[in-house]
Amino acid sequence: MRTVLLVAALAASGCAGPGGFQKLYPGMTSREVVEAMGQGPTRAHEFPDRSSAWYYGDDQCVLMREDKLVAKSTTRERTAVDTPIVSIRDTAKAVCAPEGYATETRGEQRIDTPFGSFKGSLGSTKAPRKTAPPAENSDAAPSADTQPDDHPY
């Protein structure tokens, strides 16, 4: 039944209004979420614990488990630096994942200068993954997936 609702939600078309996202609250069914948003999600990500993240564009997502909304997230923007010479804005994209899954913040930075604007991502865009339990022996080397991808040198 959940798969049928997910397929129907993905097949729906239209534009999700920003007011619909404000109306969402924990405990809503998948049908109520689709009705409030005015359409189904633009993409979905299934997790092994049978929960799914429904994304409405890049700026809004809801986490569904057992046909109930359990969490929601929206893109957040903040101005890190604002001077007459340079302005830097950080945007943290909406990410939904069940508890126990590491989520890499999907972000984007925009730098405005008198010489032009520069936009890009300095952060990681990896998909959510299951976190490893803490090591029993503190002398053990960290696993490969807990080591940083980039070196500062």
N, C-alpha and C. Protein backbone atom coordinates (compact mmCIF):
# COMPACT_ATOMS: atom_id res chain seq x y z
N MET A 1 0.83 -1.19 0.00
CA MET A 1 0.00 0.00 0.00
C MET A 1 0.87 1.25 0.00
N ARG A 2 1.95 1.24 0.82
CA ARG A 2 2.83 2.39 0.88
C ARG A 2 3.50 2.65 -0.46
N THR A 3 3.90 1.58 -1.13
CA THR A 3 4.54 1.72 -2.43
C THR A 3 3.58 2.33 -3.44
N VAL A 4 2.32 1.91 -3.39
CA VAL A 4 1.31 2.47 -4.30
C VAL A 4 1.16 3.95 -4.05
N LEU A 5 1.09 4.35 -2.78
CA LEU A 5 0.96 5.78 -2.46
C LEU A 5 2.18 6.56 -2.91
N LEU A 6 3.38 5.98 -2.73
CA LEU A 6 4.60 6.66 -3.15
C LEU A 6 4.62 6.84 -4.66
N VAL A 7 4.27 5.80 -5.40
CA VAL A 7 4.23 5.90 -6.85
C VAL A 7 3.20 6.94 -7.29
N ALA A 8 2.04 6.93 -6.67
CA ALA A 8 1.01 7.91 -7.00
C ALA A 8 1.48 9.31 -6.67
N ALA A 9 2.18 9.47 -5.57
CA ALA A 9 2.67 10.78 -5.17
C ALA A 9 3.72 11.28 -6.15
N LEU A 10 4.62 10.39 -6.59
CA LEU A 10 5.65 10.80 -7.54
C LEU A 10 5.06 11.13 -8.91
N ALA A 11 3.96 10.48 -9.25
CA ALA A 11 3.35 10.71 -10.55
C ALA A 11 2.54 12.00 -10.59
N ALA A 12 2.16 12.52 -9.44
CA ALA A 12 1.36 13.74 -9.40
C ALA A 12 2.16 14.90 -9.97
N SER A 13 1.48 15.85 -10.56
CA SER A 13 2.18 17.01 -11.11
C SER A 13 1.58 18.27 -10.54
N GLY A 14 2.27 19.38 -10.78
CA GLY A 14 1.81 20.66 -10.26
C GLY A 14 2.94 21.33 -9.53
N CYS A 15 2.60 22.42 -8.86
CA CYS A 15 3.60 23.18 -8.13
C CYS A 15 3.30 23.16 -6.65
N ALA A 16 4.28 22.82 -5.85
CA ALA A 16 4.09 22.82 -4.39
C ALA A 16 4.16 24.25 -3.90
N GLY A 17 3.13 24.69 -3.27
CA GLY A 17 3.11 26.04 -2.74
C GLY A 17 3.83 26.11 -1.42
N PRO A 18 4.49 27.25 -1.12
CA PRO A 18 5.22 27.36 0.13
C PRO A 18 4.30 27.27 1.34
N GLY A 19 3.05 27.67 1.20
CA GLY A 19 2.10 27.60 2.31
C GLY A 19 1.78 26.17 2.70
N GLY A 20 1.83 25.23 1.74
CA GLY A 20 1.54 23.84 2.02
C GLY A 20 2.55 23.23 2.98
N PHE A 21 3.81 23.58 2.84
CA PHE A 21 4.86 23.03 3.69
C PHE A 21 4.68 23.49 5.13
N GLN A 22 4.22 24.72 5.32
CA GLN A 22 4.00 25.25 6.67
C GLN A 22 2.88 24.50 7.38
N LYS A 23 1.96 23.91 6.63
CA LYS A 23 0.81 23.20 7.21
C LYS A 23 1.14 21.78 7.64
N LEU A 24 2.33 21.27 7.28
CA LEU A 24 2.69 19.89 7.60
C LEU A 24 3.07 19.75 9.07
N TYR A 25 2.65 18.64 9.68
CA TYR A 25 2.98 18.37 11.08
C TYR A 25 3.16 16.87 11.27
N PRO A 26 3.93 16.46 12.29
CA PRO A 26 4.16 15.04 12.54
C PRO A 26 2.86 14.28 12.75
N GLY A 27 2.80 13.07 12.20
CA GLY A 27 1.62 12.22 12.33
C GLY A 27 0.72 12.26 11.10
N MET A 28 0.92 13.21 10.20
CA MET A 28 0.11 13.27 8.99
C MET A 28 0.37 12.03 8.13
N THR A 29 -0.65 11.54 7.46
CA THR A 29 -0.49 10.40 6.55
C THR A 29 0.12 10.89 5.24
N SER A 30 0.59 9.96 4.43
CA SER A 30 1.16 10.32 3.14
C SER A 30 0.13 11.01 2.26
N ARG A 31 -1.10 10.56 2.31
CA ARG A 31 -2.17 11.19 1.53
C ARG A 31 -2.37 12.64 1.98
N GLU A 32 -2.36 12.90 3.29
CA GLU A 32 -2.53 14.26 3.80
C GLU A 32 -1.37 15.16 3.40
N VAL A 33 -0.16 14.60 3.39
CA VAL A 33 1.02 15.37 2.97
C VAL A 33 0.88 15.79 1.51
N VAL A 34 0.52 14.84 0.65
CA VAL A 34 0.36 15.13 -0.78
C VAL A 34 -0.73 16.17 -0.99
N GLU A 35 -1.84 16.05 -0.26
CA GLU A 35 -2.93 17.02 -0.39
C GLU A 35 -2.49 18.41 0.08
N ALA A 36 -1.78 18.49 1.20
CA ALA A 36 -1.33 19.78 1.72
C ALA A 36 -0.33 20.44 0.78
N MET A 37 0.56 19.64 0.19
CA MET A 37 1.57 20.19 -0.71
C MET A 37 1.01 20.48 -2.10
N GLY A 38 -0.09 19.87 -2.45
CA GLY A 38 -0.68 20.12 -3.77
C GLY A 38 -0.08 19.25 -4.86
N GLN A 39 0.85 18.39 -4.50
CA GLN A 39 1.49 17.47 -5.45
C GLN A 39 2.32 16.45 -4.69
N GLY A 40 2.78 15.45 -5.40
CA GLY A 40 3.69 14.47 -4.82
C GLY A 40 5.10 15.00 -4.85
N PRO A 41 6.03 14.30 -4.23
CA PRO A 41 7.42 14.75 -4.21
C PRO A 41 8.07 14.67 -5.59
N THR A 42 9.11 15.47 -5.79
CA THR A 42 9.83 15.43 -7.06
C THR A 42 10.81 14.26 -7.10
N ARG A 43 11.23 13.80 -5.91
CA ARG A 43 12.08 12.60 -5.82
C ARG A 43 11.95 12.05 -4.41
N ALA A 44 12.33 10.78 -4.25
CA ALA A 44 12.25 10.12 -2.94
C ALA A 44 13.48 9.25 -2.74
N HIS A 45 13.84 9.06 -1.48
CA HIS A 45 14.97 8.21 -1.13
C HIS A 45 14.49 7.21 -0.08
N GLU A 46 14.57 5.92 -0.40
CA GLU A 46 14.14 4.86 0.53
C GLU A 46 15.31 4.45 1.41
N PHE A 47 15.03 4.15 2.68
CA PHE A 47 16.04 3.69 3.62
C PHE A 47 15.73 2.26 4.05
N PRO A 48 16.76 1.49 4.48
CA PRO A 48 16.54 0.10 4.89
C PRO A 48 15.56 -0.06 6.05
N ASP A 49 15.38 0.98 6.88
CA ASP A 49 14.46 0.86 8.01
C ASP A 49 13.00 1.10 7.59
N ARG A 50 12.76 1.10 6.29
CA ARG A 50 11.43 1.27 5.70
C ARG A 50 10.89 2.68 5.83
N SER A 51 11.76 3.65 6.05
CA SER A 51 11.33 5.03 6.02
C SER A 51 11.76 5.60 4.66
N SER A 52 11.20 6.73 4.30
CA SER A 52 11.57 7.36 3.04
C SER A 52 11.57 8.87 3.18
N ALA A 53 12.51 9.48 2.49
CA ALA A 53 12.61 10.94 2.45
C ALA A 53 11.98 11.39 1.14
N TRP A 54 10.98 12.25 1.25
CA TRP A 54 10.33 12.81 0.07
C TRP A 54 10.85 14.23 -0.10
N TYR A 55 11.39 14.52 -1.29
CA TYR A 55 11.93 15.85 -1.57
C TYR A 55 10.99 16.60 -2.51
N TYR A 56 10.74 17.83 -2.16
CA TYR A 56 9.97 18.77 -3.00
C TYR A 56 10.98 19.79 -3.49
N GLY A 57 11.55 19.53 -4.69
CA GLY A 57 12.64 20.36 -5.18
C GLY A 57 13.86 20.12 -4.30
N ASP A 58 14.74 21.12 -4.24
CA ASP A 58 15.92 21.02 -3.38
C ASP A 58 15.71 21.71 -2.04
N ASP A 59 14.57 22.35 -1.86
CA ASP A 59 14.40 23.22 -0.70
C ASP A 59 13.49 22.69 0.40
N GLN A 60 12.80 21.60 0.18
CA GLN A 60 11.90 21.07 1.20
C GLN A 60 11.90 19.55 1.15
N CYS A 61 11.88 18.92 2.34
CA CYS A 61 11.76 17.46 2.38
C CYS A 61 11.01 17.04 3.64
N VAL A 62 10.39 15.89 3.54
CA VAL A 62 9.70 15.30 4.69
C VAL A 62 10.18 13.86 4.82
N LEU A 63 10.26 13.40 6.06
CA LEU A 63 10.65 12.02 6.34
C LEU A 63 9.40 11.26 6.73
N MET A 64 9.09 10.19 5.98
CA MET A 64 7.90 9.38 6.20
C MET A 64 8.32 8.01 6.73
N ARG A 65 7.57 7.50 7.72
CA ARG A 65 7.80 6.15 8.23
C ARG A 65 6.44 5.56 8.57
N GLU A 66 6.20 4.36 8.04
CA GLU A 66 4.93 3.66 8.27
C GLU A 66 3.73 4.55 7.94
N ASP A 67 3.81 5.21 6.79
CA ASP A 67 2.75 6.07 6.26
C ASP A 67 2.45 7.29 7.15
N LYS A 68 3.43 7.71 7.95
CA LYS A 68 3.26 8.88 8.82
C LYS A 68 4.45 9.82 8.65
N LEU A 69 4.18 11.11 8.66
CA LEU A 69 5.24 12.11 8.62
C LEU A 69 5.90 12.15 10.00
N VAL A 70 7.23 12.00 10.04
CA VAL A 70 7.94 12.02 11.32
C VAL A 70 8.86 13.24 11.46
N ALA A 71 9.25 13.86 10.34
CA ALA A 71 10.13 15.04 10.41
C ALA A 71 10.05 15.78 9.08
N LYS A 72 10.43 17.05 9.12
CA LYS A 72 10.52 17.83 7.88
C LYS A 72 11.71 18.77 7.98
N SER A 73 12.20 19.19 6.83
CA SER A 73 13.36 20.07 6.77
C SER A 73 13.21 21.01 5.60
N THR A 74 13.76 22.19 5.73
CA THR A 74 13.72 23.16 4.65
C THR A 74 15.09 23.79 4.48
N THR A 75 15.38 24.30 3.31
CA THR A 75 16.64 24.98 3.04
C THR A 75 16.73 26.24 3.89
N ARG A 76 17.91 26.45 4.44
CA ARG A 76 18.13 27.64 5.27
C ARG A 76 19.28 28.46 4.67
N GLU A 77 19.08 29.76 4.64
CA GLU A 77 20.11 30.66 4.11
C GLU A 77 20.51 31.65 5.20
N ARG A 78 21.82 31.90 5.27
CA ARG A 78 22.30 32.91 6.21
C ARG A 78 23.42 33.71 5.56
N THR A 79 23.54 34.95 6.00
CA THR A 79 24.61 35.80 5.50
C THR A 79 25.77 35.70 6.47
N ALA A 80 26.90 35.19 6.00
CA ALA A 80 28.07 35.00 6.86
C ALA A 80 28.90 36.29 6.94
N VAL A 81 29.02 36.99 5.84
CA VAL A 81 29.78 38.24 5.78
C VAL A 81 28.99 39.21 4.92
N ASP A 82 28.89 40.46 5.38
CA ASP A 82 28.18 41.47 4.60
C ASP A 82 28.88 42.81 4.77
N THR A 83 29.75 43.12 3.83
CA THR A 83 30.47 44.39 3.84
C THR A 83 30.25 45.08 2.49
N PRO A 84 30.61 46.35 2.38
CA PRO A 84 30.47 47.01 1.07
C PRO A 84 31.32 46.37 -0.03
N ILE A 85 32.37 45.65 0.35
CA ILE A 85 33.27 45.07 -0.65
C ILE A 85 32.92 43.63 -0.99
N VAL A 86 32.53 42.86 0.00
CA VAL A 86 32.23 41.46 -0.24
C VAL A 86 31.03 41.02 0.61
N SER A 87 30.26 40.11 0.05
CA SER A 87 29.13 39.52 0.75
C SER A 87 29.20 38.01 0.53
N ILE A 88 29.08 37.26 1.62
CA ILE A 88 29.12 35.80 1.53
C ILE A 88 27.85 35.26 2.15
N ARG A 89 27.12 34.45 1.37
CA ARG A 89 25.89 33.82 1.85
C ARG A 89 26.06 32.31 1.79
N ASP A 90 25.69 31.67 2.90
CA ASP A 90 25.71 30.20 2.98
C ASP A 90 24.28 29.70 2.87
N THR A 91 24.09 28.67 2.07
CA THR A 91 22.79 28.03 1.94
C THR A 91 22.95 26.56 2.30
N ALA A 92 22.20 26.11 3.30
CA ALA A 92 22.19 24.69 3.70
C ALA A 92 20.92 24.07 3.12
N LYS A 93 21.07 23.18 2.18
CA LYS A 93 19.93 22.55 1.52
C LYS A 93 19.21 21.60 2.47
N ALA A 94 17.93 21.42 2.21
CA ALA A 94 17.09 20.53 3.02
C ALA A 94 17.59 19.09 2.88
N VAL A 95 17.71 18.39 4.01
CA VAL A 95 18.13 16.99 4.03
C VAL A 95 17.28 16.26 5.06
N CYS A 96 16.74 15.11 4.70
CA CYS A 96 15.97 14.28 5.62
C CYS A 96 16.58 12.88 5.66
N ALA A 97 16.75 12.35 6.86
CA ALA A 97 17.24 10.98 7.04
C ALA A 97 16.78 10.48 8.40
N PRO A 98 16.53 9.18 8.52
CA PRO A 98 16.13 8.64 9.81
C PRO A 98 17.27 8.71 10.82
N GLU A 99 16.91 8.63 12.09
CA GLU A 99 17.91 8.64 13.16
C GLU A 99 18.86 7.48 12.97
N GLY A 100 20.13 7.71 13.20
CA GLY A 100 21.13 6.66 13.01
C GLY A 100 21.80 6.72 11.65
N TYR A 101 21.39 7.64 10.81
CA TYR A 101 22.01 7.82 9.50
C TYR A 101 22.74 9.14 9.50
N ALA A 102 24.01 9.11 9.12
CA ALA A 102 24.78 10.34 9.02
C ALA A 102 24.31 11.09 7.77
N THR A 103 24.16 12.36 7.91
CA THR A 103 23.80 13.17 6.75
C THR A 103 24.86 14.21 6.52
N GLU A 104 25.38 14.24 5.34
CA GLU A 104 26.32 15.26 4.96
C GLU A 104 25.50 16.48 4.56
N THR A 105 25.81 17.61 5.15
CA THR A 105 25.06 18.82 4.83
C THR A 105 25.34 19.21 3.39
N ARG A 106 24.29 19.34 2.63
CA ARG A 106 24.43 19.79 1.25
C ARG A 106 24.35 21.31 1.30
N GLY A 107 25.40 21.94 0.91
CA GLY A 107 25.42 23.38 1.01
C GLY A 107 25.97 24.05 -0.23
N GLU A 108 25.81 25.34 -0.23
CA GLU A 108 26.26 26.13 -1.36
C GLU A 108 26.64 27.50 -0.82
N GLN A 109 27.68 28.07 -1.36
CA GLN A 109 28.10 29.40 -0.96
C GLN A 109 28.04 30.33 -2.17
N ARG A 110 27.69 31.58 -1.88
CA ARG A 110 27.67 32.60 -2.93
C ARG A 110 28.49 33.77 -2.43
N ILE A 111 29.47 34.20 -3.20
CA ILE A 111 30.33 35.32 -2.85
C ILE A 111 30.10 36.41 -3.88
N ASP A 112 29.66 37.57 -3.42
CA ASP A 112 29.44 38.73 -4.28
C ASP A 112 30.54 39.76 -4.02
N THR A 113 31.21 40.17 -5.09
CA THR A 113 32.27 41.18 -5.00
C THR A 113 32.03 42.21 -6.10
N PRO A 114 32.74 43.33 -6.06
CA PRO A 114 32.62 44.30 -7.16
C PRO A 114 33.07 43.72 -8.51
N PHE A 115 33.82 42.62 -8.47
CA PHE A 115 34.35 42.01 -9.69
C PHE A 115 33.45 40.91 -10.24
N GLY A 116 32.38 40.60 -9.53
CA GLY A 116 31.47 39.57 -9.98
C GLY A 116 31.00 38.69 -8.84
N SER A 117 30.14 37.76 -9.18
CA SER A 117 29.59 36.82 -8.20
C SER A 117 30.12 35.43 -8.48
N PHE A 118 30.39 34.70 -7.42
CA PHE A 118 30.90 33.35 -7.52
C PHE A 118 30.01 32.45 -6.68
N LYS A 119 29.62 31.33 -7.26
CA LYS A 119 28.70 30.43 -6.59
C LYS A 119 29.24 29.01 -6.71
N GLY A 120 29.18 28.27 -5.62
CA GLY A 120 29.65 26.90 -5.67
C GLY A 120 29.43 26.20 -4.35
N SER A 121 29.87 24.97 -4.31
CA SER A 121 29.70 24.16 -3.12
C SER A 121 31.07 23.80 -2.56
N LEU A 122 31.29 24.17 -1.33
CA LEU A 122 32.54 23.81 -0.67
C LEU A 122 32.38 22.56 0.16
N GLY A 123 31.13 22.15 0.41
CA GLY A 123 30.85 20.99 1.25
C GLY A 123 30.62 19.74 0.43
N SER A 124 30.37 18.66 1.15
CA SER A 124 30.14 17.36 0.53
C SER A 124 28.68 17.24 0.10
N THR A 125 28.44 16.43 -0.92
CA THR A 125 27.07 16.18 -1.36
C THR A 125 26.77 14.70 -1.33
N LYS A 126 27.40 13.96 -0.41
CA LYS A 126 27.17 12.52 -0.32
C LYS A 126 25.77 12.23 0.20
N ALA A 127 25.25 11.10 -0.20
CA ALA A 127 23.93 10.66 0.26
C ALA A 127 24.02 10.20 1.72
N PRO A 128 22.89 10.24 2.45
CA PRO A 128 22.91 9.76 3.83
C PRO A 128 23.35 8.30 3.89
N ARG A 129 24.07 7.95 4.95
CA ARG A 129 24.53 6.58 5.12
C ARG A 129 24.40 6.19 6.58
N LYS A 130 24.36 4.91 6.84
CA LYS A 130 24.23 4.39 8.20
C LYS A 130 25.51 4.68 8.95
N THR A 131 25.40 5.20 10.18
CA THR A 131 26.59 5.48 10.98
C THR A 131 27.07 4.21 11.65
N ALA A 132 28.37 4.10 11.81
CA ALA A 132 28.97 2.93 12.45
C ALA A 132 28.86 3.09 13.96
N PRO A 133 28.67 1.98 14.69
CA PRO A 133 28.64 2.08 16.15
C PRO A 133 30.02 2.47 16.66
N PRO A 134 30.11 3.09 17.84
CA PRO A 134 31.42 3.50 18.35
C PRO A 134 32.30 2.28 18.58
N ALA A 135 33.59 2.45 18.35
CA ALA A 135 34.55 1.35 18.50
C ALA A 135 34.69 1.00 19.98
N GLU A 136 34.80 -0.30 20.26
CA GLU A 136 34.96 -0.78 21.63
C GLU A 136 36.33 -0.39 22.17
N ASN A 137 37.36 -0.51 21.33
CA ASN A 137 38.72 -0.23 21.74
C ASN A 137 39.10 1.16 21.25
N SER A 138 39.43 2.06 22.16
CA SER A 138 39.74 3.43 21.76
C SER A 138 41.06 3.54 21.02
N ASP A 139 41.91 2.49 21.09
CA ASP A 139 43.20 2.51 20.39
C ASP A 139 43.05 2.09 18.93
N ALA A 140 41.89 1.58 18.57
CA ALA A 140 41.68 1.09 17.20
C ALA A 140 41.65 2.27 16.23
N ALA A 141 42.16 2.04 15.05
CA ALA A 141 42.15 3.08 14.02
C ALA A 141 40.73 3.28 13.52
N PRO A 142 40.38 4.53 13.17
CA PRO A 142 39.03 4.76 12.65
C PRO A 142 38.83 4.03 11.33
N SER A 143 37.60 3.66 11.06
CA SER A 143 37.30 2.97 9.81
C SER A 143 37.43 3.93 8.63
N ALA A 144 37.49 3.36 7.44
CA ALA A 144 37.70 4.17 6.24
C ALA A 144 36.58 5.18 6.02
N ASP A 145 35.34 4.85 6.39
CA ASP A 145 34.25 5.78 6.12
C ASP A 145 34.13 6.89 7.17
N THR A 146 34.97 6.87 8.22
CA THR A 146 34.94 7.95 9.19
C THR A 146 36.12 8.91 9.00
N GLN A 147 37.03 8.57 8.09
CA GLN A 147 38.16 9.44 7.83
C GLN A 147 37.75 10.53 6.86
N PRO A 148 38.35 11.73 6.99
CA PRO A 148 37.99 12.82 6.08
C PRO A 148 38.38 12.46 4.64
N ASP A 149 37.55 12.95 3.71
CA ASP A 149 37.81 12.70 2.29
C ASP A 149 38.94 13.56 1.75
N ASP A 150 39.08 14.76 2.30
CA ASP A 150 40.08 15.70 1.80
C ASP A 150 41.10 15.99 2.89
N HIS A 151 42.33 16.20 2.47
CA HIS A 151 43.39 16.54 3.41
C HIS A 151 43.61 18.05 3.36
N PRO A 152 43.93 18.69 4.51
CA PRO A 152 44.10 20.14 4.52
C PRO A 152 45.40 20.59 3.88
N TYR A 153 46.25 19.69 3.42
CA TYR A 153 47.54 20.05 2.83
C TYR A 153 47.66 19.57 1.42
